[in-house]
């Protein structure tokens, strides 16, 4: 849920939890050294956070 909030603040998107999980995974892989500074990474969010409004309450 923290990653979803970050996406909202940075990109203005209301990402679904599974879409936000891609950001959480990216952050973890960066910290662990699996993704280098010179690499390009694209994260996909294919759903809307509107389906999960109950999680924000």
Protein backbone atom coordinates (compact mmCIF):
# COMPACT_ATOMS: atom_id res chain seq x y z
CA UNK A 1 0.00 0.00 0.00
CA UNK A 2 2.96 2.32 0.59
CA UNK A 3 4.07 1.80 -3.00
CA UNK A 4 0.54 2.66 -4.21
CA UNK A 5 0.67 5.89 -2.21
CA UNK A 6 4.08 6.72 -3.70
CA UNK A 7 2.79 6.14 -7.24
CA UNK A 8 -0.14 8.42 -6.49
CA UNK A 9 2.09 11.19 -5.19
CA UNK A 10 4.68 10.89 -7.95
CA UNK A 11 2.53 10.05 -10.98
CA UNK A 12 -1.01 11.06 -10.02
CA UNK A 13 -2.29 7.53 -10.63
CA UNK A 14 -4.59 5.52 -8.39
CA UNK A 15 -2.74 2.22 -8.86
CA UNK A 16 -4.21 -1.12 -7.93
CA UNK A 17 -2.31 -3.04 -5.22
CA UNK A 18 -0.94 -5.59 -7.68
CA UNK A 19 0.31 -2.78 -9.90
CA UNK A 20 1.93 -1.06 -6.93
CA UNK A 21 3.62 -4.35 -6.06
CA UNK A 22 5.77 -3.88 -9.17
CA UNK A 23 7.20 -0.71 -7.62
CA UNK A 24 7.80 -2.44 -4.29
CA UNK A 25 9.61 -5.26 -6.11
CA UNK A 26 11.65 -2.78 -8.16
CA UNK A 27 12.74 -0.92 -5.02
CA UNK A 28 13.78 -4.16 -3.36
CA UNK A 29 15.69 -5.39 -6.41
CA UNK A 30 17.51 -2.03 -6.65
CA UNK A 31 18.55 -2.22 -3.00
CA UNK A 32 19.79 -5.78 -3.50
CA UNK A 33 21.83 -4.81 -6.57
CA UNK A 34 19.85 -6.80 -9.13
CA UNK A 35 19.04 -3.62 -11.08
CA UNK A 36 21.86 -1.19 -11.92
CA UNK A 37 21.73 2.59 -12.36
CA UNK A 38 22.23 2.35 -16.13
CA UNK A 39 19.32 -0.04 -16.70
CA UNK A 40 15.91 1.02 -17.96
CA UNK A 41 12.92 -0.55 -16.24
CA UNK A 42 9.25 -0.18 -17.11
CA UNK A 43 6.62 -0.93 -14.48
CA UNK A 44 3.07 -1.75 -15.61
CA UNK A 45 -0.16 -1.12 -13.78
CA UNK A 46 -3.11 -2.73 -15.55
CA UNK A 47 -5.81 -2.12 -12.97
CA UNK A 48 -7.44 0.67 -11.06
CA UNK A 49 -7.26 1.34 -7.37
CA UNK A 50 -10.98 2.13 -7.50
CA UNK A 51 -11.70 -1.61 -7.27
CA UNK A 52 -9.90 -1.63 -3.91
CA UNK A 53 -11.27 1.46 -2.18
CA UNK A 54 -12.11 -0.68 0.84
CA UNK A 55 -8.39 -1.19 1.50
CA UNK A 56 -7.80 2.51 2.03
CA UNK A 57 -10.36 2.90 4.81
